[in-house]
Amino acid sequence: MRDTMKEVIERIIKFRDDRDWKQFQTLDNLAKSISIESAELLENFQWDTENINLKNVEEELADVLIYSYLMAITMDVDVKEIMLKKIEKNEKKISC
């Protein structure tokens, strides 16, 4: 799994750098982009939850994840580490 994510992260960075977009990917812009893409994901469920276009859901979910990874890269944080910390925090909340 780790090697797979390494490849994905490298491709995300290459895509960004090939277009010289790093200059625009500030934390606030990335947070906005995550929110916008999340809204586009949610649109798939707005009116009809029985006939969901799963291909479109996958594409919008991919956009959310890509922007999320770009934010983690920009912050220089380890995604696995911060996710595990959050899971541990949530587990403590549930057991109280």
PDB file of N, CA and C in Angstrom:
ATOM      1  N   MET A   1       0.835  -1.201   0.000  1.00  0.00           N
ATOM      2  CA  MET A   1       0.000   0.000   0.000  1.00  0.00           C
ATOM      3  C   MET A   1       0.869   1.250   0.000  1.00  0.00           C
ATOM      4  N   ARG A   2       1.903   1.247   0.810  1.00  0.00           N
ATOM      5  CA  ARG A   2       2.758   2.422   0.908  1.00  0.00           C
ATOM      6  C   ARG A   2       3.359   2.793  -0.447  1.00  0.00           C
ATOM      7  N   ASP A   3       3.867   1.790  -1.193  1.00  0.00           N
ATOM      8  CA  ASP A   3       4.439   2.062  -2.505  1.00  0.00           C
ATOM      9  C   ASP A   3       3.397   2.617  -3.458  1.00  0.00           C
ATOM     10  N   THR A   4       2.169   2.110  -3.359  1.00  0.00           N
ATOM     11  CA  THR A   4       1.090   2.594  -4.198  1.00  0.00           C
ATOM     12  C   THR A   4       0.827   4.068  -3.921  1.00  0.00           C
ATOM     13  N   MET A   5       0.754   4.441  -2.663  1.00  0.00           N
ATOM     14  CA  MET A   5       0.500   5.848  -2.323  1.00  0.00           C
ATOM     15  C   MET A   5       1.691   6.715  -2.700  1.00  0.00           C
ATOM     16  N   LYS A   6       2.891   6.183  -2.605  1.00  0.00           N
ATOM     17  CA  LYS A   6       4.063   6.948  -3.021  1.00  0.00           C
ATOM     18  C   LYS A   6       3.944   7.313  -4.501  1.00  0.00           C
ATOM     19  N   GLU A   7       3.529   6.341  -5.313  1.00  0.00           N
ATOM     20  CA  GLU A   7       3.351   6.583  -6.743  1.00  0.00           C
ATOM     21  C   GLU A   7       2.276   7.633  -6.978  1.00  0.00           C
ATOM     22  N   VAL A   8       1.171   7.531  -6.259  1.00  0.00           N
ATOM     23  CA  VAL A   8       0.075   8.489  -6.407  1.00  0.00           C
ATOM     24  C   VAL A   8       0.553   9.889  -6.035  1.00  0.00           C
ATOM     25  N   ILE A   9       1.236  10.001  -4.916  1.00  0.00           N
ATOM     26  CA  ILE A   9       1.724  11.310  -4.459  1.00  0.00           C
ATOM     27  C   ILE A   9       2.708  11.896  -5.471  1.00  0.00           C
ATOM     28  N   GLU A  10       3.597  11.075  -5.988  1.00  0.00           N
ATOM     29  CA  GLU A  10       4.548  11.552  -6.998  1.00  0.00           C
ATOM     30  C   GLU A  10       3.822  12.068  -8.239  1.00  0.00           C
ATOM     31  N   ARG A  11       2.775  11.371  -8.647  1.00  0.00           N
ATOM     32  CA  ARG A  11       2.009  11.804  -9.828  1.00  0.00           C
ATOM     33  C   ARG A  11       1.240  13.089  -9.554  1.00  0.00           C
ATOM     34  N   ILE A  12       0.699  13.228  -8.347  1.00  0.00           N
ATOM     35  CA  ILE A  12       0.013  14.470  -7.980  1.00  0.00           C
ATOM     36  C   ILE A  12       0.988  15.633  -8.051  1.00  0.00           C
ATOM     37  N   ILE A  13       2.163  15.451  -7.468  1.00  0.00           N
ATOM     38  CA  ILE A  13       3.176  16.515  -7.460  1.00  0.00           C
ATOM     39  C   ILE A  13       3.636  16.835  -8.885  1.00  0.00           C
ATOM     40  N   LYS A  14       3.859  15.811  -9.694  1.00  0.00           N
ATOM     41  CA  LYS A  14       4.281  16.032 -11.081  1.00  0.00           C
ATOM     42  C   LYS A  14       3.217  16.806 -11.855  1.00  0.00           C
ATOM     43  N   PHE A  15       1.958  16.402 -11.692  1.00  0.00           N
ATOM     44  CA  PHE A  15       0.864  17.095 -12.371  1.00  0.00           C
ATOM     45  C   PHE A  15       0.853  18.572 -11.978  1.00  0.00           C
ATOM     46  N   ARG A  16       0.972  18.836 -10.677  1.00  0.00           N
ATOM     47  CA  ARG A  16       0.996  20.210 -10.179  1.00  0.00           C
ATOM     48  C   ARG A  16       2.194  20.981 -10.730  1.00  0.00           C
ATOM     49  N   ASP A  17       3.372  20.369 -10.650  1.00  0.00           N
ATOM     50  CA  ASP A  17       4.592  21.062 -11.048  1.00  0.00           C
ATOM     51  C   ASP A  17       4.686  21.268 -12.556  1.00  0.00           C
ATOM     52  N   ASP A  18       4.169  20.325 -13.344  1.00  0.00           N
ATOM     53  CA  ASP A  18       4.167  20.482 -14.803  1.00  0.00           C
ATOM     54  C   ASP A  18       3.362  21.703 -15.231  1.00  0.00           C
ATOM     55  N   ARG A  19       2.409  22.091 -14.409  1.00  0.00           N
ATOM     56  CA  ARG A  19       1.551  23.236 -14.730  1.00  0.00           C
ATOM     57  C   ARG A  19       1.936  24.498 -13.955  1.00  0.00           C
ATOM     58  N   ASP A  20       2.976  24.395 -13.142  1.00  0.00           N
ATOM     59  CA  ASP A  20       3.450  25.510 -12.312  1.00  0.00           C
ATOM     60  C   ASP A  20       2.335  26.058 -11.413  1.00  0.00           C
ATOM     61  N   TRP A  21       1.577  25.153 -10.793  1.00  0.00           N
ATOM     62  CA  TRP A  21       0.453  25.538  -9.938  1.00  0.00           C
ATOM     63  C   TRP A  21       0.825  25.655  -8.467  1.00  0.00           C
ATOM     64  N   LYS A  22       2.029  25.239  -8.103  1.00  0.00           N
ATOM     65  CA  LYS A  22       2.407  25.262  -6.684  1.00  0.00           C
ATOM     66  C   LYS A  22       2.237  26.659  -6.085  1.00  0.00           C
ATOM     67  N   GLN A  23       2.548  27.664  -6.872  1.00  0.00           N
ATOM     68  CA  GLN A  23       2.461  29.048  -6.402  1.00  0.00           C
ATOM     69  C   GLN A  23       1.050  29.432  -5.952  1.00  0.00           C
ATOM     70  N   PHE A  24       0.043  28.761  -6.476  1.00  0.00           N
ATOM     71  CA  PHE A  24      -1.343  29.076  -6.146  1.00  0.00           C
ATOM     72  C   PHE A  24      -1.902  28.192  -5.031  1.00  0.00           C
ATOM     73  N   GLN A  25      -1.167  27.156  -4.684  1.00  0.00           N
ATOM     74  CA  GLN A  25      -1.691  26.181  -3.741  1.00  0.00           C
ATOM     75  C   GLN A  25      -1.273  26.502  -2.309  1.00  0.00           C
ATOM     76  N   THR A  26      -1.797  27.620  -1.851  1.00  0.00           N
ATOM     77  CA  THR A  26      -1.609  28.021  -0.461  1.00  0.00           C
ATOM     78  C   THR A  26      -2.592  27.232   0.401  1.00  0.00           C
ATOM     79  N   LEU A  27      -2.364  27.220   1.696  1.00  0.00           N
ATOM     80  CA  LEU A  27      -3.256  26.459   2.574  1.00  0.00           C
ATOM     81  C   LEU A  27      -4.706  26.906   2.447  1.00  0.00           C
ATOM     82  N   ASP A  28      -4.928  28.219   2.387  1.00  0.00           N
ATOM     83  CA  ASP A  28      -6.313  28.691   2.286  1.00  0.00           C
ATOM     84  C   ASP A  28      -6.948  28.302   0.949  1.00  0.00           C
ATOM     85  N   ASN A  29      -6.180  28.386  -0.142  1.00  0.00           N
ATOM     86  CA  ASN A  29      -6.727  27.989  -1.442  1.00  0.00           C
ATOM     87  C   ASN A  29      -7.009  26.485  -1.488  1.00  0.00           C
ATOM     88  N   LEU A  30      -6.141  25.697  -0.894  1.00  0.00           N
ATOM     89  CA  LEU A  30      -6.360  24.257  -0.869  1.00  0.00           C
ATOM     90  C   LEU A  30      -7.572  23.905  -0.012  1.00  0.00           C
ATOM     91  N   ALA A  31      -7.731  24.575   1.127  1.00  0.00           N
ATOM     92  CA  ALA A  31      -8.907  24.332   1.968  1.00  0.00           C
ATOM     93  C   ALA A  31     -10.182  24.694   1.218  1.00  0.00           C
ATOM     94  N   LYS A  32     -10.156  25.796   0.503  1.00  0.00           N
ATOM     95  CA  LYS A  32     -11.313  26.191  -0.307  1.00  0.00           C
ATOM     96  C   LYS A  32     -11.598  25.144  -1.378  1.00  0.00           C
ATOM     97  N   SER A  33     -10.555  24.670  -2.030  1.00  0.00           N
ATOM     98  CA  SER A  33     -10.726  23.669  -3.085  1.00  0.00           C
ATOM     99  C   SER A  33     -11.300  22.374  -2.537  1.00  0.00           C
ATOM    100  N   ILE A  34     -10.856  21.963  -1.364  1.00  0.00           N
ATOM    101  CA  ILE A  34     -11.408  20.759  -0.739  1.00  0.00           C
ATOM    102  C   ILE A  34     -12.894  20.953  -0.481  1.00  0.00           C
ATOM    103  N   SER A  35     -13.259  22.112   0.022  1.00  0.00           N
ATOM    104  CA  SER A  35     -14.660  22.400   0.312  1.00  0.00           C
ATOM    105  C   SER A  35     -15.499  22.415  -0.962  1.00  0.00           C
ATOM    106  N   ILE A  36     -14.985  23.035  -1.999  1.00  0.00           N
ATOM    107  CA  ILE A  36     -15.703  23.112  -3.276  1.00  0.00           C
ATOM    108  C   ILE A  36     -15.892  21.713  -3.858  1.00  0.00           C
ATOM    109  N   GLU A  37     -14.833  20.928  -3.868  1.00  0.00           N
ATOM    110  CA  GLU A  37     -14.935  19.569  -4.411  1.00  0.00           C
ATOM    111  C   GLU A  37     -15.847  18.694  -3.549  1.00  0.00           C
ATOM    112  N   SER A  38     -15.847  18.914  -2.243  1.00  0.00           N
ATOM    113  CA  SER A  38     -16.756  18.179  -1.356  1.00  0.00           C
ATOM    114  C   SER A  38     -18.204  18.507  -1.688  1.00  0.00           C
ATOM    115  N   ALA A  39     -18.460  19.771  -1.987  1.00  0.00           N
ATOM    116  CA  ALA A  39     -19.816  20.174  -2.382  1.00  0.00           C
ATOM    117  C   ALA A  39     -20.209  19.510  -3.700  1.00  0.00           C
ATOM    118  N   GLU A  40     -19.271  19.419  -4.626  1.00  0.00           N
ATOM    119  CA  GLU A  40     -19.563  18.751  -5.901  1.00  0.00           C
ATOM    120  C   GLU A  40     -19.835  17.265  -5.675  1.00  0.00           C
ATOM    121  N   LEU A  41     -19.131  16.659  -4.738  1.00  0.00           N
ATOM    122  CA  LEU A  41     -19.394  15.269  -4.372  1.00  0.00           C
ATOM    123  C   LEU A  41     -20.806  15.133  -3.802  1.00  0.00           C
ATOM    124  N   LEU A  42     -21.160  16.031  -2.930  1.00  0.00           N
ATOM    125  CA  LEU A  42     -22.474  16.002  -2.284  1.00  0.00           C
ATOM    126  C   LEU A  42     -23.611  16.202  -3.283  1.00  0.00           C
ATOM    127  N   GLU A  43     -23.364  16.970  -4.328  1.00  0.00           N
ATOM    128  CA  GLU A  43     -24.395  17.197  -5.350  1.00  0.00           C
ATOM    129  C   GLU A  43     -24.921  15.890  -5.937  1.00  0.00           C
ATOM    130  N   ASN A  44     -24.084  14.878  -5.956  1.00  0.00           N
ATOM    131  CA  ASN A  44     -24.500  13.590  -6.514  1.00  0.00           C
ATOM    132  C   ASN A  44     -25.630  12.950  -5.726  1.00  0.00           C
ATOM    133  N   PHE A  45     -25.835  13.392  -4.510  1.00  0.00           N
ATOM    134  CA  PHE A  45     -26.845  12.802  -3.638  1.00  0.00           C
ATOM    135  C   PHE A  45     -27.986  13.772  -3.336  1.00  0.00           C
ATOM    136  N   GLN A  46     -27.988  14.924  -4.002  1.00  0.00           N
ATOM    137  CA  GLN A  46     -28.913  15.999  -3.655  1.00  0.00           C
ATOM    138  C   GLN A  46     -30.375  15.644  -3.871  1.00  0.00           C
ATOM    139  N   TRP A  47     -30.743  15.118  -5.013  1.00  0.00           N
ATOM    140  CA  TRP A  47     -32.160  14.940  -5.321  1.00  0.00           C
ATOM    141  C   TRP A  47     -32.591  13.487  -5.461  1.00  0.00           C
ATOM    142  N   ASP A  48     -31.675  12.636  -5.852  1.00  0.00           N
ATOM    143  CA  ASP A  48     -32.065  11.256  -6.142  1.00  0.00           C
ATOM    144  C   ASP A  48     -31.013  10.309  -5.583  1.00  0.00           C
ATOM    145  N   THR A  49     -31.322   9.687  -4.461  1.00  0.00           N
ATOM    146  CA  THR A  49     -30.355   8.781  -3.838  1.00  0.00           C
ATOM    147  C   THR A  49     -30.510   7.343  -4.321  1.00  0.00           C
ATOM    148  N   GLU A  50     -31.434   7.115  -5.223  1.00  0.00           N
ATOM    149  CA  GLU A  50     -31.625   5.761  -5.751  1.00  0.00           C
ATOM    150  C   GLU A  50     -30.901   5.549  -7.076  1.00  0.00           C
ATOM    151  N   ASN A  51     -30.612   6.610  -7.799  1.00  0.00           N
ATOM    152  CA  ASN A  51     -29.959   6.510  -9.109  1.00  0.00           C
ATOM    153  C   ASN A  51     -28.661   7.319  -9.109  1.00  0.00           C
ATOM    154  N   ILE A  52     -27.767   6.919  -8.272  1.00  0.00           N
ATOM    155  CA  ILE A  52     -26.517   7.660  -8.107  1.00  0.00           C
ATOM    156  C   ILE A  52     -25.534   7.264  -9.205  1.00  0.00           C
ATOM    157  N   ASN A  53     -24.912   8.267  -9.793  1.00  0.00           N
ATOM    158  CA  ASN A  53     -23.891   8.048 -10.811  1.00  0.00           C
ATOM    159  C   ASN A  53     -22.564   7.778 -10.087  1.00  0.00           C
ATOM    160  N   LEU A  54     -22.259   6.498  -9.890  1.00  0.00           N
ATOM    161  CA  LEU A  54     -21.082   6.124  -9.113  1.00  0.00           C
ATOM    162  C   LEU A  54     -19.778   6.565  -9.766  1.00  0.00           C
ATOM    163  N   LYS A  55     -19.743   6.613 -11.080  1.00  0.00           N
ATOM    164  CA  LYS A  55     -18.531   7.084 -11.757  1.00  0.00           C
ATOM    165  C   LYS A  55     -18.269   8.542 -11.399  1.00  0.00           C
ATOM    166  N   ASN A  56     -19.305   9.349 -11.392  1.00  0.00           N
ATOM    167  CA  ASN A  56     -19.139  10.755 -11.019  1.00  0.00           C
ATOM    168  C   ASN A  56     -18.761  10.887  -9.535  1.00  0.00           C
ATOM    169  N   VAL A  57     -19.348  10.054  -8.692  1.00  0.00           N
ATOM    170  CA  VAL A  57     -19.002  10.062  -7.267  1.00  0.00           C
ATOM    171  C   VAL A  57     -17.513   9.753  -7.108  1.00  0.00           C
ATOM    172  N   GLU A  58     -17.025   8.748  -7.823  1.00  0.00           N
ATOM    173  CA  GLU A  58     -15.605   8.392  -7.763  1.00  0.00           C
ATOM    174  C   GLU A  58     -14.725   9.552  -8.196  1.00  0.00           C
ATOM    175  N   GLU A  59     -15.114  10.229  -9.274  1.00  0.00           N
ATOM    176  CA  GLU A  59     -14.311  11.351  -9.776  1.00  0.00           C
ATOM    177  C   GLU A  59     -14.259  12.499  -8.775  1.00  0.00           C
ATOM    178  N   GLU A  60     -15.399  12.812  -8.172  1.00  0.00           N
ATOM    179  CA  GLU A  60     -15.425  13.908  -7.195  1.00  0.00           C
ATOM    180  C   GLU A  60     -14.685  13.516  -5.917  1.00  0.00           C
ATOM    181  N   LEU A  61     -14.821  12.263  -5.511  1.00  0.00           N
ATOM    182  CA  LEU A  61     -14.072  11.786  -4.352  1.00  0.00           C
ATOM    183  C   LEU A  61     -12.570  11.864  -4.616  1.00  0.00           C
ATOM    184  N   ALA A  62     -12.163  11.501  -5.827  1.00  0.00           N
ATOM    185  CA  ALA A  62     -10.749  11.608  -6.206  1.00  0.00           C
ATOM    186  C   ALA A  62     -10.273  13.054  -6.106  1.00  0.00           C
ATOM    187  N   ASP A  63     -11.095  14.006  -6.552  1.00  0.00           N
ATOM    188  CA  ASP A  63     -10.728  15.425  -6.451  1.00  0.00           C
ATOM    189  C   ASP A  63     -10.537  15.839  -4.996  1.00  0.00           C
ATOM    190  N   VAL A  64     -11.443  15.416  -4.124  1.00  0.00           N
ATOM    191  CA  VAL A  64     -11.329  15.729  -2.694  1.00  0.00           C
ATOM    192  C   VAL A  64     -10.021  15.161  -2.137  1.00  0.00           C
ATOM    193  N   LEU A  65      -9.735  13.916  -2.487  1.00  0.00           N
ATOM    194  CA  LEU A  65      -8.525  13.270  -1.979  1.00  0.00           C
ATOM    195  C   LEU A  65      -7.259  13.917  -2.532  1.00  0.00           C
ATOM    196  N   ILE A  66      -7.273  14.255  -3.806  1.00  0.00           N
ATOM    197  CA  ILE A  66      -6.094  14.899  -4.407  1.00  0.00           C
ATOM    198  C   ILE A  66      -5.805  16.227  -3.722  1.00  0.00           C
ATOM    199  N   TYR A  67      -6.830  17.059  -3.554  1.00  0.00           N
ATOM    200  CA  TYR A  67      -6.614  18.335  -2.870  1.00  0.00           C
ATOM    201  C   TYR A  67      -6.207  18.122  -1.415  1.00  0.00           C
ATOM    202  N   SER A  68      -6.740  17.094  -0.783  1.00  0.00           N
ATOM    203  CA  SER A  68      -6.365  16.800   0.600  1.00  0.00           C
ATOM    204  C   SER A  68      -4.893  16.404   0.684  1.00  0.00           C
ATOM    205  N   TYR A  69      -4.462  15.575  -0.247  1.00  0.00           N
ATOM    206  CA  TYR A  69      -3.044  15.198  -0.272  1.00  0.00           C
ATOM    207  C   TYR A  69      -2.164  16.408  -0.571  1.00  0.00           C
ATOM    208  N   LEU A  70      -2.603  17.261  -1.485  1.00  0.00           N
ATOM    209  CA  LEU A  70      -1.822  18.469  -1.770  1.00  0.00           C
ATOM    210  C   LEU A  70      -1.694  19.349  -0.527  1.00  0.00           C
ATOM    211  N   MET A  71      -2.752  19.412   0.267  1.00  0.00           N
ATOM    212  CA  MET A  71      -2.687  20.200   1.495  1.00  0.00           C
ATOM    213  C   MET A  71      -1.694  19.567   2.475  1.00  0.00           C
ATOM    214  N   ALA A  72      -1.735  18.252   2.601  1.00  0.00           N
ATOM    215  CA  ALA A  72      -0.794  17.557   3.485  1.00  0.00           C
ATOM    216  C   ALA A  72       0.645  17.757   3.016  1.00  0.00           C
ATOM    217  N   ILE A  73       0.848  17.704   1.693  1.00  0.00           N
ATOM    218  CA  ILE A  73       2.178  17.929   1.128  1.00  0.00           C
ATOM    219  C   ILE A  73       2.646  19.352   1.443  1.00  0.00           C
ATOM    220  N   THR A  74       1.765  20.308   1.252  1.00  0.00           N
ATOM    221  CA  THR A  74       2.094  21.711   1.514  1.00  0.00           C
ATOM    222  C   THR A  74       2.433  21.930   2.988  1.00  0.00           C
ATOM    223  N   MET A  75       1.711  21.241   3.876  1.00  0.00           N
ATOM    224  CA  MET A  75       1.946  21.361   5.319  1.00  0.00           C
ATOM    225  C   MET A  75       3.122  20.501   5.786  1.00  0.00           C
ATOM    226  N   ASP A  76       3.617  19.644   4.884  1.00  0.00           N
ATOM    227  CA  ASP A  76       4.697  18.716   5.193  1.00  0.00           C
ATOM    228  C   ASP A  76       4.331  17.807   6.372  1.00  0.00           C
ATOM    229  N   VAL A  77       3.133  17.226   6.283  1.00  0.00           N
ATOM    230  CA  VAL A  77       2.685  16.280   7.297  1.00  0.00           C
ATOM    231  C   VAL A  77       2.506  14.905   6.663  1.00  0.00           C
ATOM    232  N   ASP A  78       2.656  13.891   7.478  1.00  0.00           N
ATOM    233  CA  ASP A  78       2.486  12.510   7.045  1.00  0.00           C
ATOM    234  C   ASP A  78       1.008  12.145   7.180  1.00  0.00           C
ATOM    235  N   VAL A  79       0.367  11.842   6.063  1.00  0.00           N
ATOM    236  CA  VAL A  79      -1.073  11.559   6.049  1.00  0.00           C
ATOM    237  C   VAL A  79      -1.399  10.373   6.954  1.00  0.00           C
ATOM    238  N   LYS A  80      -0.622   9.326   6.853  1.00  0.00           N
ATOM    239  CA  LYS A  80      -0.859   8.147   7.685  1.00  0.00           C
ATOM    240  C   LYS A  80      -0.788   8.509   9.167  1.00  0.00           C
ATOM    241  N   GLU A  81       0.223   9.259   9.528  1.00  0.00           N
ATOM    242  CA  GLU A  81       0.411   9.649  10.929  1.00  0.00           C
ATOM    243  C   GLU A  81      -0.753  10.492  11.456  1.00  0.00           C
ATOM    244  N   ILE A  82      -1.174  11.491  10.698  1.00  0.00           N
ATOM    245  CA  ILE A  82      -2.249  12.351  11.203  1.00  0.00           C
ATOM    246  C   ILE A  82      -3.586  11.616  11.228  1.00  0.00           C
ATOM    247  N   MET A  83      -3.783  10.688  10.285  1.00  0.00           N
ATOM    248  CA  MET A  83      -5.019   9.912  10.295  1.00  0.00           C
ATOM    249  C   MET A  83      -5.055   8.963  11.488  1.00  0.00           C
ATOM    250  N   LEU A  84      -3.936   8.300  11.760  1.00  0.00           N
ATOM    251  CA  LEU A  84      -3.895   7.390  12.905  1.00  0.00           C
ATOM    252  C   LEU A  84      -4.094   8.148  14.224  1.00  0.00           C
ATOM    253  N   LYS A  85      -3.498   9.330  14.336  1.00  0.00           N
ATOM    254  CA  LYS A  85      -3.700  10.152  15.537  1.00  0.00           C
ATOM    255  C   LYS A  85      -5.176  10.506  15.709  1.00  0.00           C
ATOM    256  N   LYS A  86      -5.820  10.856  14.616  1.00  0.00           N
ATOM    257  CA  LYS A  86      -7.239  11.223  14.675  1.00  0.00           C
ATOM    258  C   LYS A  86      -8.095  10.012  15.019  1.00  0.00           C
ATOM    259  N   ILE A  87      -7.777   8.860  14.459  1.00  0.00           N
ATOM    260  CA  ILE A  87      -8.517   7.643  14.792  1.00  0.00           C
ATOM    261  C   ILE A  87      -8.374   7.324  16.276  1.00  0.00           C
ATOM    262  N   GLU A  88      -7.157   7.437  16.792  1.00  0.00           N
ATOM    263  CA  GLU A  88      -6.921   7.194  18.218  1.00  0.00           C
ATOM    264  C   GLU A  88      -7.725   8.173  19.075  1.00  0.00           C
ATOM    265  N   LYS A  89      -7.737   9.429  18.681  1.00  0.00           N
ATOM    266  CA  LYS A  89      -8.503  10.434  19.417  1.00  0.00           C
ATOM    267  C   LYS A  89      -9.987  10.085  19.408  1.00  0.00           C
ATOM    268  N   ASN A  90     -10.502   9.682  18.251  1.00  0.00           N
ATOM    269  CA  ASN A  90     -11.901   9.303  18.143  1.00  0.00           C
ATOM    270  C   ASN A  90     -12.213   8.055  18.954  1.00  0.00           C
ATOM    271  N   GLU A  91     -11.297   7.110  18.965  1.00  0.00           N
ATOM    272  CA  GLU A  91     -11.507   5.890  19.753  1.00  0.00           C
ATOM    273  C   GLU A  91     -11.617   6.208  21.246  1.00  0.00           C
ATOM    274  N   LYS A  92     -10.834   7.162  21.704  1.00  0.00           N
ATOM    275  CA  LYS A  92     -10.894   7.565  23.107  1.00  0.00           C
ATOM    276  C   LYS A  92     -12.224   8.228  23.436  1.00  0.00           C
ATOM    277  N   LYS A  93     -12.763   9.003  22.498  1.00  0.00           N
ATOM    278  CA  LYS A  93     -14.059   9.648  22.694  1.00  0.00           C
ATOM    279  C   LYS A  93     -15.155   8.609  22.846  1.00  0.00           C
ATOM    280  N   ILE A  94     -15.109   7.587  22.025  1.00  0.00           N
ATOM    281  CA  ILE A  94     -16.153   6.557  22.029  1.00  0.00           C
ATOM    282  C   ILE A  94     -16.112   5.726  23.305  1.00  0.00           C
ATOM    283  N   SER A  95     -14.913   5.473  23.820  1.00  0.00           N
ATOM    284  CA  SER A  95     -14.802   4.601  24.992  1.00  0.00           C
ATOM    285  C   SER A  95     -15.099   5.325  26.300  1.00  0.00           C
ATOM    286  N   CYS A  96     -15.264   6.621  26.258  1.00  0.00           N
ATOM    287  CA  CYS A  96     -15.563   7.388  27.496  1.00  0.00           C
ATOM    288  C   CYS A  96     -17.025   7.343  27.856  1.00  0.00           C
TER     289      CYS A  96
END
